[in-house]
Amino acid sequence: MANPLTSVELFAGGGGMALGTRDAGFEHLALVEWYKPAARILRHNARRQPRLWCESSVHEQDVRV
């Protein structure tokens, strides 16, 4: 795909919605999650399957800040 659809996901959780949107053709620019265990899962999955999203696109922070 020449110009992939892109997304920024807030409240990413464990990545279920991110998996669905990835399968629909979206490229994730950012996955934002404040809950440490969930962010850890997102980074773990990025290391295991780099085609899902980049580990550097996982941002562990509160969106209110």
PDB file of N, CA and C in Angstrom:
ATOM      1  N   MET A   1       0.849  -1.173   0.000  1.00  0.00           N
ATOM      2  CA  MET A   1       0.000   0.000   0.000  1.00  0.00           C
ATOM      3  C   MET A   1       0.893   1.234   0.000  1.00  0.00           C
ATOM      4  N   ALA A   2       0.726   2.135  -0.953  1.00  0.00           N
ATOM      5  CA  ALA A   2       1.582   3.301  -1.094  1.00  0.00           C
ATOM      6  C   ALA A   2       1.416   4.280   0.061  1.00  0.00           C
ATOM      7  N   ASN A   3       0.192   4.605   0.423  1.00  0.00           N
ATOM      8  CA  ASN A   3      -0.087   5.525   1.514  1.00  0.00           C
ATOM      9  C   ASN A   3      -0.950   4.826   2.555  1.00  0.00           C
ATOM     10  N   PRO A   4      -0.301   4.156   3.505  1.00  0.00           N
ATOM     11  CA  PRO A   4      -1.100   3.419   4.490  1.00  0.00           C
ATOM     12  C   PRO A   4      -1.909   4.370   5.372  1.00  0.00           C
ATOM     13  N   LEU A   5      -3.015   3.871   5.854  1.00  0.00           N
ATOM     14  CA  LEU A   5      -3.797   4.611   6.834  1.00  0.00           C
ATOM     15  C   LEU A   5      -3.002   4.606   8.129  1.00  0.00           C
ATOM     16  N   THR A   6      -3.057   5.682   8.877  1.00  0.00           N
ATOM     17  CA  THR A   6      -2.310   5.757  10.128  1.00  0.00           C
ATOM     18  C   THR A   6      -3.266   6.016  11.289  1.00  0.00           C
ATOM     19  N   SER A   7      -2.793   5.684  12.492  1.00  0.00           N
ATOM     20  CA  SER A   7      -3.617   5.903  13.675  1.00  0.00           C
ATOM     21  C   SER A   7      -2.745   6.256  14.869  1.00  0.00           C
ATOM     22  N   VAL A   8      -3.371   6.924  15.810  1.00  0.00           N
ATOM     23  CA  VAL A   8      -2.826   7.159  17.136  1.00  0.00           C
ATOM     24  C   VAL A   8      -3.877   6.611  18.080  1.00  0.00           C
ATOM     25  N   GLU A   9      -3.492   5.636  18.882  1.00  0.00           N
ATOM     26  CA  GLU A   9      -4.461   4.992  19.756  1.00  0.00           C
ATOM     27  C   GLU A   9      -4.236   5.421  21.197  1.00  0.00           C
ATOM     28  N   LEU A  10      -5.256   6.061  21.767  1.00  0.00           N
ATOM     29  CA  LEU A  10      -5.243   6.425  23.176  1.00  0.00           C
ATOM     30  C   LEU A  10      -5.935   5.319  23.951  1.00  0.00           C
ATOM     31  N   PHE A  11      -5.530   5.109  25.190  1.00  0.00           N
ATOM     32  CA  PHE A  11      -6.124   4.061  26.028  1.00  0.00           C
ATOM     33  C   PHE A  11      -5.966   2.703  25.346  1.00  0.00           C
ATOM     34  N   ALA A  12      -4.743   2.394  24.929  1.00  0.00           N
ATOM     35  CA  ALA A  12      -4.458   1.224  24.103  1.00  0.00           C
ATOM     36  C   ALA A  12      -4.676  -0.110  24.812  1.00  0.00           C
ATOM     37  N   GLY A  13      -4.643  -0.122  26.135  1.00  0.00           N
ATOM     38  CA  GLY A  13      -4.834  -1.386  26.854  1.00  0.00           C
ATOM     39  C   GLY A  13      -3.794  -2.414  26.439  1.00  0.00           C
ATOM     40  N   GLY A  14      -4.228  -3.637  26.274  1.00  0.00           N
ATOM     41  CA  GLY A  14      -3.324  -4.706  25.868  1.00  0.00           C
ATOM     42  C   GLY A  14      -3.139  -4.819  24.371  1.00  0.00           C
ATOM     43  N   GLY A  15      -3.817  -3.985  23.602  1.00  0.00           N
ATOM     44  CA  GLY A  15      -3.599  -3.947  22.159  1.00  0.00           C
ATOM     45  C   GLY A  15      -4.642  -4.635  21.300  1.00  0.00           C
ATOM     46  N   GLY A  16      -5.765  -5.049  21.874  1.00  0.00           N
ATOM     47  CA  GLY A  16      -6.793  -5.737  21.088  1.00  0.00           C
ATOM     48  C   GLY A  16      -7.319  -4.910  19.923  1.00  0.00           C
ATOM     49  N   MET A  17      -7.668  -3.662  20.188  1.00  0.00           N
ATOM     50  CA  MET A  17      -8.154  -2.783  19.114  1.00  0.00           C
ATOM     51  C   MET A  17      -7.029  -2.501  18.126  1.00  0.00           C
ATOM     52  N   ALA A  18      -5.818  -2.355  18.633  1.00  0.00           N
ATOM     53  CA  ALA A  18      -4.670  -2.110  17.763  1.00  0.00           C
ATOM     54  C   ALA A  18      -4.456  -3.264  16.791  1.00  0.00           C
ATOM     55  N   LEU A  19      -4.663  -4.493  17.268  1.00  0.00           N
ATOM     56  CA  LEU A  19      -4.535  -5.650  16.374  1.00  0.00           C
ATOM     57  C   LEU A  19      -5.587  -5.589  15.268  1.00  0.00           C
ATOM     58  N   GLY A  20      -6.801  -5.244  15.638  1.00  0.00           N
ATOM     59  CA  GLY A  20      -7.877  -5.161  14.648  1.00  0.00           C
ATOM     60  C   GLY A  20      -7.637  -4.072  13.620  1.00  0.00           C
ATOM     61  N   THR A  21      -7.226  -2.900  14.079  1.00  0.00           N
ATOM     62  CA  THR A  21      -6.980  -1.816  13.124  1.00  0.00           C
ATOM     63  C   THR A  21      -5.745  -2.112  12.272  1.00  0.00           C
ATOM     64  N   ARG A  22      -4.764  -2.803  12.854  1.00  0.00           N
ATOM     65  CA  ARG A  22      -3.589  -3.210  12.061  1.00  0.00           C
ATOM     66  C   ARG A  22      -4.016  -4.166  10.943  1.00  0.00           C
ATOM     67  N   ASP A  23      -4.865  -5.113  11.280  1.00  0.00           N
ATOM     68  CA  ASP A  23      -5.373  -6.054  10.275  1.00  0.00           C
ATOM     69  C   ASP A  23      -6.210  -5.358   9.209  1.00  0.00           C
ATOM     70  N   ALA A  24      -6.798  -4.219   9.564  1.00  0.00           N
ATOM     71  CA  ALA A  24      -7.604  -3.448   8.611  1.00  0.00           C
ATOM     72  C   ALA A  24      -6.737  -2.537   7.736  1.00  0.00           C
ATOM     73  N   GLY A  25      -5.425  -2.547   7.958  1.00  0.00           N
ATOM     74  CA  GLY A  25      -4.519  -1.792   7.094  1.00  0.00           C
ATOM     75  C   GLY A  25      -3.928  -0.528   7.697  1.00  0.00           C
ATOM     76  N   PHE A  26      -4.165  -0.288   8.989  1.00  0.00           N
ATOM     77  CA  PHE A  26      -3.628   0.907   9.623  1.00  0.00           C
ATOM     78  C   PHE A  26      -2.207   0.679  10.108  1.00  0.00           C
ATOM     79  N   GLU A  27      -1.403   1.721  10.040  1.00  0.00           N
ATOM     80  CA  GLU A  27      -0.060   1.731  10.615  1.00  0.00           C
ATOM     81  C   GLU A  27      -0.133   2.594  11.862  1.00  0.00           C
ATOM     82  N   HIS A  28       0.303   2.062  12.993  1.00  0.00           N
ATOM     83  CA  HIS A  28       0.200   2.789  14.259  1.00  0.00           C
ATOM     84  C   HIS A  28       1.371   3.743  14.433  1.00  0.00           C
ATOM     85  N   LEU A  29       1.040   5.019  14.554  1.00  0.00           N
ATOM     86  CA  LEU A  29       2.070   6.007  14.846  1.00  0.00           C
ATOM     87  C   LEU A  29       2.357   6.065  16.331  1.00  0.00           C
ATOM     88  N   ALA A  30       1.333   5.793  17.148  1.00  0.00           N
ATOM     89  CA  ALA A  30       1.504   5.799  18.596  1.00  0.00           C
ATOM     90  C   ALA A  30       0.424   4.954  19.253  1.00  0.00           C
ATOM     91  N   LEU A  31       0.826   4.247  20.286  1.00  0.00           N
ATOM     92  CA  LEU A  31      -0.084   3.504  21.163  1.00  0.00           C
ATOM     93  C   LEU A  31       0.184   4.063  22.562  1.00  0.00           C
ATOM     94  N   VAL A  32      -0.802   4.733  23.132  1.00  0.00           N
ATOM     95  CA  VAL A  32      -0.620   5.417  24.414  1.00  0.00           C
ATOM     96  C   VAL A  32      -1.392   4.675  25.496  1.00  0.00           C
ATOM     97  N   GLU A  33      -0.687   4.314  26.553  1.00  0.00           N
ATOM     98  CA  GLU A  33      -1.312   3.591  27.673  1.00  0.00           C
ATOM     99  C   GLU A  33      -0.597   3.986  28.958  1.00  0.00           C
ATOM    100  N   TRP A  34      -1.339   4.356  29.985  1.00  0.00           N
ATOM    101  CA  TRP A  34      -0.737   4.763  31.255  1.00  0.00           C
ATOM    102  C   TRP A  34      -0.498   3.596  32.207  1.00  0.00           C
ATOM    103  N   TYR A  35      -1.238   2.511  32.040  1.00  0.00           N
ATOM    104  CA  TYR A  35      -1.160   1.383  32.958  1.00  0.00           C
ATOM    105  C   TYR A  35       0.070   0.537  32.620  1.00  0.00           C
ATOM    106  N   LYS A  36       1.039   0.514  33.545  1.00  0.00           N
ATOM    107  CA  LYS A  36       2.335  -0.130  33.281  1.00  0.00           C
ATOM    108  C   LYS A  36       2.238  -1.561  32.754  1.00  0.00           C
ATOM    109  N   PRO A  37       1.440  -2.448  33.374  1.00  0.00           N
ATOM    110  CA  PRO A  37       1.364  -3.820  32.854  1.00  0.00           C
ATOM    111  C   PRO A  37       0.864  -3.891  31.409  1.00  0.00           C
ATOM    112  N   ALA A  38      -0.085  -3.056  31.053  1.00  0.00           N
ATOM    113  CA  ALA A  38      -0.591  -3.063  29.678  1.00  0.00           C
ATOM    114  C   ALA A  38       0.466  -2.526  28.711  1.00  0.00           C
ATOM    115  N   ALA A  39       1.149  -1.464  29.088  1.00  0.00           N
ATOM    116  CA  ALA A  39       2.216  -0.926  28.238  1.00  0.00           C
ATOM    117  C   ALA A  39       3.326  -1.948  28.057  1.00  0.00           C
ATOM    118  N   ARG A  40       3.616  -2.691  29.109  1.00  0.00           N
ATOM    119  CA  ARG A  40       4.631  -3.745  29.038  1.00  0.00           C
ATOM    120  C   ARG A  40       4.213  -4.815  28.027  1.00  0.00           C
ATOM    121  N   ILE A  41       2.938  -5.175  28.002  1.00  0.00           N
ATOM    122  CA  ILE A  41       2.425  -6.154  27.026  1.00  0.00           C
ATOM    123  C   ILE A  41       2.572  -5.620  25.606  1.00  0.00           C
ATOM    124  N   LEU A  42       2.239  -4.352  25.407  1.00  0.00           N
ATOM    125  CA  LEU A  42       2.373  -3.751  24.071  1.00  0.00           C
ATOM    126  C   LEU A  42       3.819  -3.813  23.588  1.00  0.00           C
ATOM    127  N   ARG A  43       4.763  -3.458  24.468  1.00  0.00           N
ATOM    128  CA  ARG A  43       6.182  -3.508  24.076  1.00  0.00           C
ATOM    129  C   ARG A  43       6.637  -4.945  23.844  1.00  0.00           C
ATOM    130  N   HIS A  44       6.183  -5.859  24.678  1.00  0.00           N
ATOM    131  CA  HIS A  44       6.527  -7.272  24.517  1.00  0.00           C
ATOM    132  C   HIS A  44       6.051  -7.789  23.155  1.00  0.00           C
ATOM    133  N   ASN A  45       4.813  -7.478  22.804  1.00  0.00           N
ATOM    134  CA  ASN A  45       4.275  -7.932  21.517  1.00  0.00           C
ATOM    135  C   ASN A  45       5.009  -7.300  20.348  1.00  0.00           C
ATOM    136  N   ALA A  46       5.461  -6.054  20.506  1.00  0.00           N
ATOM    137  CA  ALA A  46       6.236  -5.399  19.450  1.00  0.00           C
ATOM    138  C   ALA A  46       7.568  -6.115  19.236  1.00  0.00           C
ATOM    139  N   ARG A  47       8.193  -6.561  20.323  1.00  0.00           N
ATOM    140  CA  ARG A  47       9.461  -7.298  20.185  1.00  0.00           C
ATOM    141  C   ARG A  47       9.244  -8.663  19.549  1.00  0.00           C
ATOM    142  N   ARG A  48       8.160  -9.338  19.925  1.00  0.00           N
ATOM    143  CA  ARG A  48       7.879 -10.673  19.393  1.00  0.00           C
ATOM    144  C   ARG A  48       7.473 -10.637  17.928  1.00  0.00           C
ATOM    145  N   GLN A  49       6.678  -9.622  17.552  1.00  0.00           N
ATOM    146  CA  GLN A  49       6.166  -9.531  16.183  1.00  0.00           C
ATOM    147  C   GLN A  49       6.279  -8.078  15.703  1.00  0.00           C
ATOM    148  N   PRO A  50       7.446  -7.673  15.246  1.00  0.00           N
ATOM    149  CA  PRO A  50       7.678  -6.280  14.849  1.00  0.00           C
ATOM    150  C   PRO A  50       6.745  -5.768  13.746  1.00  0.00           C
ATOM    151  N   ARG A  51       6.100  -6.656  13.021  1.00  0.00           N
ATOM    152  CA  ARG A  51       5.179  -6.186  11.973  1.00  0.00           C
ATOM    153  C   ARG A  51       3.919  -5.552  12.560  1.00  0.00           C
ATOM    154  N   LEU A  52       3.641  -5.819  13.840  1.00  0.00           N
ATOM    155  CA  LEU A  52       2.441  -5.263  14.479  1.00  0.00           C
ATOM    156  C   LEU A  52       2.564  -3.758  14.670  1.00  0.00           C
ATOM    157  N   TRP A  53       3.590  -3.335  15.397  1.00  0.00           N
ATOM    158  CA  TRP A  53       3.883  -1.924  15.645  1.00  0.00           C
ATOM    159  C   TRP A  53       5.292  -1.848  16.198  1.00  0.00           C
ATOM    160  N   CYS A  54       5.861  -0.676  16.132  1.00  0.00           N
ATOM    161  CA  CYS A  54       7.228  -0.474  16.634  1.00  0.00           C
ATOM    162  C   CYS A  54       7.199  -0.312  18.141  1.00  0.00           C
ATOM    163  N   GLU A  55       8.176  -0.891  18.782  1.00  0.00           N
ATOM    164  CA  GLU A  55       8.269  -0.751  20.239  1.00  0.00           C
ATOM    165  C   GLU A  55       8.365   0.723  20.627  1.00  0.00           C
ATOM    166  N   SER A  56       9.034   1.520  19.805  1.00  0.00           N
ATOM    167  CA  SER A  56       9.189   2.948  20.103  1.00  0.00           C
ATOM    168  C   SER A  56       7.876   3.725  19.960  1.00  0.00           C
ATOM    169  N   SER A  57       6.867   3.119  19.335  1.00  0.00           N
ATOM    170  CA  SER A  57       5.578   3.812  19.208  1.00  0.00           C
ATOM    171  C   SER A  57       4.693   3.618  20.432  1.00  0.00           C
ATOM    172  N   VAL A  58       5.150   2.801  21.399  1.00  0.00           N
ATOM    173  CA  VAL A  58       4.402   2.596  22.646  1.00  0.00           C
ATOM    174  C   VAL A  58       4.817   3.694  23.626  1.00  0.00           C
ATOM    175  N   HIS A  59       3.848   4.490  24.058  1.00  0.00           N
ATOM    176  CA  HIS A  59       4.099   5.592  24.981  1.00  0.00           C
ATOM    177  C   HIS A  59       3.364   5.319  26.278  1.00  0.00           C
ATOM    178  N   GLU A  60       4.136   5.165  27.341  1.00  0.00           N
ATOM    179  CA  GLU A  60       3.567   4.881  28.653  1.00  0.00           C
ATOM    180  C   GLU A  60       3.404   6.217  29.391  1.00  0.00           C
ATOM    181  N   GLN A  61       2.221   6.791  29.231  1.00  0.00           N
ATOM    182  CA  GLN A  61       1.969   8.078  29.883  1.00  0.00           C
ATOM    183  C   GLN A  61       0.472   8.335  29.979  1.00  0.00           C
ATOM    184  N   ASP A  62       0.118   9.256  30.832  1.00  0.00           N
ATOM    185  CA  ASP A  62      -1.261   9.670  31.026  1.00  0.00           C
ATOM    186  C   ASP A  62      -1.583  10.738  29.980  1.00  0.00           C
ATOM    187  N   VAL A  63      -2.661  10.582  29.247  1.00  0.00           N
ATOM    188  CA  VAL A  63      -2.998  11.536  28.181  1.00  0.00           C
ATOM    189  C   VAL A  63      -3.408  12.899  28.740  1.00  0.00           C
ATOM    190  N   ARG A  64      -3.701  12.969  30.027  1.00  0.00           N
ATOM    191  CA  ARG A  64      -4.083  14.246  30.626  1.00  0.00           C
ATOM    192  C   ARG A  64      -2.884  15.153  30.867  1.00  0.00           C
ATOM    193  N   VAL A  65      -1.675  14.624  30.765  1.00  0.00           N
ATOM    194  CA  VAL A  65      -0.470  15.411  31.055  1.00  0.00           C
ATOM    195  C   VAL A  65       0.039  16.068  29.803  1.00  0.00           C
TER     196      VAL A  65
END
